[in-house]
Amino acid sequence: MSALFKRAQVTLAGMREVSSVPNNNGYLIELERVSFAYPGGPPVIREFSAGVRRGEFIAVIGPNGSGKSTLAGLAAGLLVPVAGRALVDGLDTAAPAARDEIRLRVGLVLQNPDNQIVAARVEEDIAFGPENLNLSPDQVRRRVEHALGTVGLDRLRDRPPHLLSGGEKQRLAIAGLLALQPSCLVLDEPTAMLDPPDRRGVLRVLRDLAAGGTTVLLVTHHMDEAPLADRVWVLENGALLADDIPPVVFGRPKLLDRLGLALPPAAELARRLAEKGVAVPEGIVQKEDLVRYLCRVLK
């Protein structure tokens, strides 16, 4: 992936006007028995069926090689299934005529933010997409200001991107897509290269976006990030093993252990306390819930 992908995404999208497509099942993204294989290789995604509702926050977890990044590409319309259908707002990603419209509805955030930065200043990078949609200067300015405020880069608008921290760069990549006003963000391990403070900054942005109604599909290998989602998908060898709310998914430690996945730290500590006879409530997966419980008990 390179900055050319961002250029192609916004330039091609600007050539078509988004049409209204009926989609009454409540899913913004729907995968119907989707399979995918890279040329000359074995299947990476196998008979995958699931959907992401509008405004929903989904976390995707699984061991290395389970197909998480490939699934992100399929959900964003960057990859086309070899079998089954991938639909975005009712549009088939395999239909060439629909691909430009799909790129307006779904934004893909990559692991390395440097691959999505195209301008010499923060503000200019965010404006790149709207300007290629042939919007008026006032419209571009409003979108840039909104995106800057959303990701918390207002005071860095004039800074060259290469002087930003890793987390600030990732927030800039998100802002560049937010300026295109997509319905959904698909993020492929966006915090993998970040230190803890930068990770927290990116996650705070994602939580706020989800709370504001933006659909979020987050691929992650950090188990403490998955409990932030409304639902968690667990993958193994390209197949969907589990699709449920975080307390249910992380209430299956044997399954996670078999996959080589750890429990989120709060869930692991709660489990160990329960083994010592402490009456910890079931379903604790976030540290805030565990802290509240311990404060109440210790008080």
Protein backbone atom coordinates (compact mmCIF):
# COMPACT_ATOMS: atom_id res chain seq x y z
CA MET A 1 0.00 0.00 0.00
CA SER A 2 1.16 3.54 -0.64
CA ALA A 3 -0.09 7.09 -0.78
CA LEU A 4 -1.18 6.30 -4.35
CA PHE A 5 -4.05 4.29 -2.86
CA LYS A 6 -5.36 7.39 -1.10
CA ARG A 7 -5.04 9.41 -4.29
CA ALA A 8 -6.88 6.79 -6.32
CA GLN A 9 -9.54 6.41 -3.64
CA VAL A 10 -10.58 10.04 -3.53
CA THR A 11 -10.02 10.83 -7.22
CA LEU A 12 -12.08 7.95 -8.52
CA ALA A 13 -14.76 8.49 -5.91
CA GLY A 14 -15.10 12.11 -6.98
CA MET A 15 -15.99 11.05 -10.53
CA ARG A 16 -19.35 9.59 -9.50
CA GLU A 17 -22.31 10.91 -7.59
CA VAL A 18 -23.47 8.64 -4.77
CA SER A 19 -26.87 7.15 -5.50
CA SER A 20 -29.34 5.88 -2.96
CA VAL A 21 -29.38 2.10 -2.82
CA PRO A 22 -32.16 0.30 -0.92
CA ASN A 23 -30.82 -1.80 1.95
CA ASN A 24 -33.45 -2.78 4.46
CA ASN A 25 -31.73 -5.49 6.49
CA GLY A 26 -29.95 -3.02 8.78
CA TYR A 27 -26.44 -3.99 7.66
CA LEU A 28 -24.03 -1.46 6.27
CA ILE A 29 -21.53 -4.24 5.48
CA GLU A 30 -22.72 -7.77 4.78
CA LEU A 31 -20.56 -10.78 3.95
CA GLU A 32 -22.46 -13.73 2.51
CA ARG A 33 -20.55 -17.04 2.44
CA VAL A 34 -17.45 -15.14 1.36
CA SER A 35 -14.30 -17.02 0.39
CA PHE A 36 -11.02 -15.54 -0.78
CA ALA A 37 -7.63 -16.81 -1.92
CA TYR A 38 -4.61 -14.95 -3.25
CA PRO A 39 -3.41 -16.09 -6.70
CA GLY A 40 -1.80 -19.51 -6.50
CA GLY A 41 -2.46 -19.85 -2.78
CA PRO A 42 -4.91 -21.71 -0.52
CA PRO A 43 -8.13 -20.10 0.76
CA VAL A 44 -7.49 -17.38 3.31
CA ILE A 45 -11.16 -16.65 4.07
CA ARG A 46 -13.57 -19.59 4.05
CA GLU A 47 -17.37 -19.43 3.84
CA PHE A 48 -17.46 -16.31 6.01
CA SER A 49 -20.92 -14.93 6.81
CA ALA A 50 -21.50 -11.95 9.10
CA GLY A 51 -22.77 -8.40 9.01
CA VAL A 52 -21.98 -5.01 10.49
CA ARG A 53 -24.96 -2.83 11.37
CA ARG A 54 -24.96 0.91 10.95
CA GLY A 55 -23.30 2.65 13.86
CA GLU A 56 -21.89 -0.60 15.25
CA PHE A 57 -18.35 -1.05 16.59
CA ILE A 58 -16.92 -4.49 15.72
CA ALA A 59 -13.51 -5.78 16.86
CA VAL A 60 -11.86 -8.58 14.87
CA ILE A 61 -9.36 -10.82 16.67
CA GLY A 62 -7.58 -14.07 15.88
CA PRO A 63 -4.12 -15.64 15.76
CA ASN A 64 -1.55 -14.64 13.16
CA GLY A 65 -2.52 -15.98 9.75
CA SER A 66 -6.21 -16.24 10.60
CA GLY A 67 -7.20 -13.85 7.80
CA LYS A 68 -7.92 -10.66 9.76
CA SER A 69 -6.22 -8.25 7.33
CA THR A 70 -7.72 -10.00 4.32
CA LEU A 71 -11.15 -9.69 5.93
CA ALA A 72 -10.56 -5.96 6.37
CA GLY A 73 -9.76 -5.65 2.68
CA LEU A 74 -12.92 -7.55 1.75
CA ALA A 75 -15.10 -5.43 4.05
CA ALA A 76 -13.68 -2.22 2.59
CA GLY A 77 -14.13 -3.39 -1.01
CA LEU A 78 -10.40 -3.37 -1.68
CA LEU A 79 -10.46 -7.14 -2.27
CA VAL A 80 -13.17 -9.03 -4.17
CA PRO A 81 -14.38 -12.47 -3.04
CA VAL A 82 -13.65 -15.49 -5.21
CA ALA A 83 -16.93 -16.95 -3.94
CA GLY A 84 -19.91 -15.48 -2.13
CA ARG A 85 -20.81 -11.80 -1.96
CA ALA A 86 -19.56 -8.78 -0.05
CA LEU A 87 -22.07 -5.95 0.10
CA VAL A 88 -21.52 -2.37 1.24
CA ASP A 89 -24.78 -0.49 1.75
CA GLY A 90 -26.37 -2.97 -0.66
CA LEU A 91 -23.66 -2.48 -3.30
CA ASP A 92 -21.81 -5.58 -4.50
CA THR A 93 -18.05 -5.02 -4.20
CA ALA A 94 -17.52 -7.25 -7.26
CA ALA A 95 -19.46 -4.86 -9.50
CA PRO A 96 -16.98 -2.48 -11.21
CA ALA A 97 -19.62 0.24 -11.51
CA ALA A 98 -20.18 0.24 -7.73
CA ARG A 99 -16.58 0.44 -6.55
CA ASP A 100 -16.25 4.22 -6.69
CA GLU A 101 -19.40 4.67 -4.63
CA ILE A 102 -18.23 2.06 -2.13
CA ARG A 103 -15.03 4.05 -1.58
CA LEU A 104 -17.16 7.01 -0.51
CA ARG A 105 -18.98 4.89 2.03
CA VAL A 106 -16.05 3.00 3.57
CA GLY A 107 -12.64 4.35 4.51
CA LEU A 108 -9.71 1.97 5.07
CA VAL A 109 -7.04 2.90 7.65
CA LEU A 110 -3.80 0.97 7.27
CA GLN A 111 -1.31 -0.19 9.88
CA ASN A 112 1.42 2.23 8.75
CA PRO A 113 0.01 5.79 8.59
CA ASP A 114 2.93 7.00 6.45
CA ASN A 115 1.36 5.07 3.57
CA GLN A 116 -1.70 7.35 3.64
CA ILE A 117 -0.11 10.78 4.01
CA VAL A 118 0.22 12.79 0.80
CA ALA A 119 0.75 16.47 1.70
CA ALA A 120 3.37 18.68 3.34
CA ARG A 121 1.12 20.07 6.10
CA VAL A 122 -1.48 18.45 8.33
CA GLU A 123 -4.26 20.75 7.16
CA GLU A 124 -3.39 20.22 3.50
CA ASP A 125 -3.38 16.45 3.90
CA ILE A 126 -6.89 16.45 5.35
CA ALA A 127 -8.09 18.81 2.61
CA PHE A 128 -6.72 16.57 -0.16
CA GLY A 129 -9.75 14.28 -0.28
CA PRO A 130 -12.54 16.90 -0.22
CA GLU A 131 -10.71 18.99 -2.82
CA ASN A 132 -10.67 16.01 -5.17
CA LEU A 133 -14.43 15.68 -4.74
CA ASN A 134 -14.76 19.11 -6.37
CA LEU A 135 -16.35 20.64 -3.27
CA SER A 136 -16.48 24.39 -2.78
CA PRO A 137 -13.74 26.03 -0.70
CA ASP A 138 -16.23 26.64 2.12
CA GLN A 139 -17.28 22.99 2.14
CA VAL A 140 -13.67 21.85 2.18
CA ARG A 141 -12.87 24.22 5.03
CA ARG A 142 -15.81 22.99 7.12
CA ARG A 143 -14.86 19.36 6.59
CA VAL A 144 -11.23 20.00 7.46
CA GLU A 145 -12.14 21.89 10.64
CA HIS A 146 -14.53 19.15 11.71
CA ALA A 147 -11.96 16.41 11.06
CA LEU A 148 -9.21 18.32 12.88
CA GLY A 149 -11.44 18.79 15.91
CA THR A 150 -12.62 15.20 15.91
CA VAL A 151 -9.12 13.73 16.07
CA GLY A 152 -7.65 16.48 18.25
CA LEU A 153 -5.10 17.90 15.81
CA ASP A 154 -6.38 21.48 15.79
CA ARG A 155 -3.16 22.94 17.17
CA LEU A 156 -1.01 20.93 14.76
CA ARG A 157 -2.70 22.01 11.54
CA ASP A 158 0.45 23.71 10.19
CA ARG A 159 2.91 21.01 11.24
CA PRO A 160 4.65 18.86 8.61
CA PRO A 161 3.36 15.27 9.01
CA HIS A 162 6.88 13.85 9.25
CA LEU A 163 7.30 15.73 12.55
CA LEU A 164 4.23 14.08 14.12
CA SER A 165 4.40 11.17 16.53
CA GLY A 166 3.16 7.78 15.38
CA GLY A 167 -0.19 8.26 17.10
CA GLU A 168 -0.61 11.75 15.67
CA LYS A 169 0.12 10.38 12.19
CA GLN A 170 -2.49 7.68 12.65
CA ARG A 171 -5.03 10.25 13.81
CA LEU A 172 -4.13 12.30 10.73
CA ALA A 173 -4.80 9.29 8.50
CA ILE A 174 -8.20 8.90 10.20
CA ALA A 175 -8.93 12.62 9.79
CA GLY A 176 -8.14 12.45 6.08
CA LEU A 177 -10.81 9.80 5.67
CA LEU A 178 -13.30 11.54 7.98
CA ALA A 179 -13.13 14.56 5.69
CA LEU A 180 -14.64 12.34 2.99
CA GLN A 181 -17.54 11.67 5.39
CA PRO A 182 -17.66 7.87 5.05
CA SER A 183 -20.35 5.83 6.80
CA CYS A 184 -17.77 3.33 8.03
CA LEU A 185 -14.11 3.10 8.97
CA VAL A 186 -12.29 -0.21 8.56
CA LEU A 187 -9.01 -0.18 10.49
CA ASP A 188 -6.34 -2.83 10.01
CA GLU A 189 -4.32 -2.96 13.26
CA PRO A 190 -3.97 0.85 13.40
CA THR A 191 -2.25 0.79 16.82
CA ALA A 192 0.24 -2.03 16.10
CA MET A 193 3.20 0.35 15.70
CA LEU A 194 2.28 2.77 18.49
CA ASP A 195 3.41 3.22 22.08
CA PRO A 196 0.80 3.13 24.90
CA PRO A 197 0.07 6.89 25.02
CA ASP A 198 -0.41 7.09 21.24
CA ARG A 199 -2.54 3.94 21.32
CA ARG A 200 -4.82 5.53 23.90
CA GLY A 201 -5.19 8.63 21.73
CA VAL A 202 -6.24 6.65 18.66
CA LEU A 203 -8.65 4.47 20.66
CA ARG A 204 -10.21 7.54 22.21
CA VAL A 205 -10.92 8.85 18.71
CA LEU A 206 -12.46 5.52 17.66
CA ARG A 207 -14.67 5.37 20.76
CA ASP A 208 -15.91 8.91 20.12
CA LEU A 209 -16.59 8.16 16.45
CA ALA A 210 -18.56 5.03 17.32
CA ALA A 211 -20.52 6.93 19.98
CA GLY A 212 -21.34 9.53 17.34
CA GLY A 213 -22.77 6.95 14.94
CA THR A 214 -19.83 6.12 12.68
CA THR A 215 -19.57 2.39 11.95
CA VAL A 216 -16.18 1.01 13.02
CA LEU A 217 -14.60 -2.33 12.09
CA LEU A 218 -11.33 -2.67 14.03
CA VAL A 219 -8.82 -5.45 13.34
CA THR A 220 -6.54 -5.74 16.36
CA HIS A 221 -4.06 -8.04 18.07
CA HIS A 222 -4.30 -6.09 21.33
CA MET A 223 -6.78 -7.96 23.50
CA ASP A 224 -7.40 -4.90 25.68
CA GLU A 225 -8.83 -3.06 22.66
CA ALA A 226 -11.50 -5.62 21.77
CA PRO A 227 -13.66 -5.01 24.89
CA LEU A 228 -14.29 -1.46 23.65
CA ALA A 229 -16.40 -2.84 20.80
CA ASP A 230 -20.09 -3.70 20.72
CA ARG A 231 -19.30 -7.14 19.32
CA VAL A 232 -16.21 -9.27 18.74
CA TRP A 233 -15.49 -11.55 15.78
CA VAL A 234 -13.04 -14.37 16.45
CA LEU A 235 -11.28 -15.84 13.40
CA GLU A 236 -9.37 -19.08 12.89
CA ASN A 237 -8.04 -20.19 9.50
CA GLY A 238 -10.31 -17.72 7.75
CA ALA A 239 -13.49 -18.98 9.43
CA LEU A 240 -15.71 -17.21 11.97
CA LEU A 241 -15.55 -19.06 15.30
CA ALA A 242 -17.42 -16.59 17.47
CA ASP A 243 -19.53 -13.47 17.03
CA ASP A 244 -20.86 -12.04 20.28
CA ILE A 245 -20.60 -9.27 22.84
CA PRO A 246 -17.20 -8.97 24.59
CA PRO A 247 -18.25 -10.50 27.96
CA VAL A 248 -19.49 -13.63 26.18
CA VAL A 249 -16.47 -13.98 23.89
CA PHE A 250 -13.98 -13.43 26.69
CA GLY A 251 -16.01 -15.70 28.92
CA ARG A 252 -14.63 -18.59 26.84
CA PRO A 253 -11.01 -18.76 28.04
CA LYS A 254 -10.54 -22.32 26.77
CA LEU A 255 -11.33 -21.24 23.21
CA LEU A 256 -8.99 -18.27 23.42
CA ASP A 257 -6.25 -20.39 24.98
CA ARG A 258 -6.53 -22.90 22.13
CA LEU A 259 -6.04 -20.06 19.66
CA GLY A 260 -3.09 -18.65 21.58
CA LEU A 261 -5.01 -15.50 22.50
CA ALA A 262 -4.80 -13.95 25.94
CA LEU A 263 -7.70 -12.58 27.92
CA PRO A 264 -7.86 -8.79 28.25
CA PRO A 265 -5.87 -7.79 31.35
CA ALA A 266 -8.98 -6.85 33.34
CA ALA A 267 -10.69 -10.14 32.47
CA GLU A 268 -7.56 -12.11 33.39
CA LEU A 269 -7.27 -10.38 36.75
CA ALA A 270 -10.97 -10.93 37.42
CA ARG A 271 -10.56 -14.62 36.61
CA ARG A 272 -7.64 -14.98 38.99
CA LEU A 273 -9.50 -13.18 41.77
CA ALA A 274 -12.46 -15.53 41.25
CA GLU A 275 -10.11 -18.52 41.53
CA LYS A 276 -9.01 -17.15 44.93
CA GLY A 277 -12.59 -17.05 46.12
CA VAL A 278 -13.37 -13.39 45.47
CA ALA A 279 -16.97 -12.97 44.31
CA VAL A 280 -16.13 -11.06 41.13
CA PRO A 281 -19.18 -10.46 38.91
CA GLU A 282 -19.19 -12.32 35.62
CA GLY A 283 -18.58 -10.43 32.40
CA ILE A 284 -15.89 -7.99 33.55
CA VAL A 285 -13.64 -7.26 30.55
CA GLN A 286 -12.76 -3.58 30.94
CA LYS A 287 -10.47 -2.17 33.59
CA GLU A 288 -12.92 0.59 34.49
CA ASP A 289 -15.52 -2.01 35.51
CA LEU A 290 -12.96 -3.94 37.55
CA VAL A 291 -11.74 -0.78 39.28
CA ARG A 292 -15.30 0.19 40.21
CA TYR A 293 -15.96 -3.26 41.62
CA LEU A 294 -12.73 -3.35 43.64
CA CYS A 295 -13.29 0.14 45.00
CA ARG A 296 -16.76 -0.84 46.15
CA VAL A 297 -15.54 -4.06 47.78
CA LEU A 298 -12.46 -2.54 49.42
CA LYS A 299 -14.47 0.38 50.74
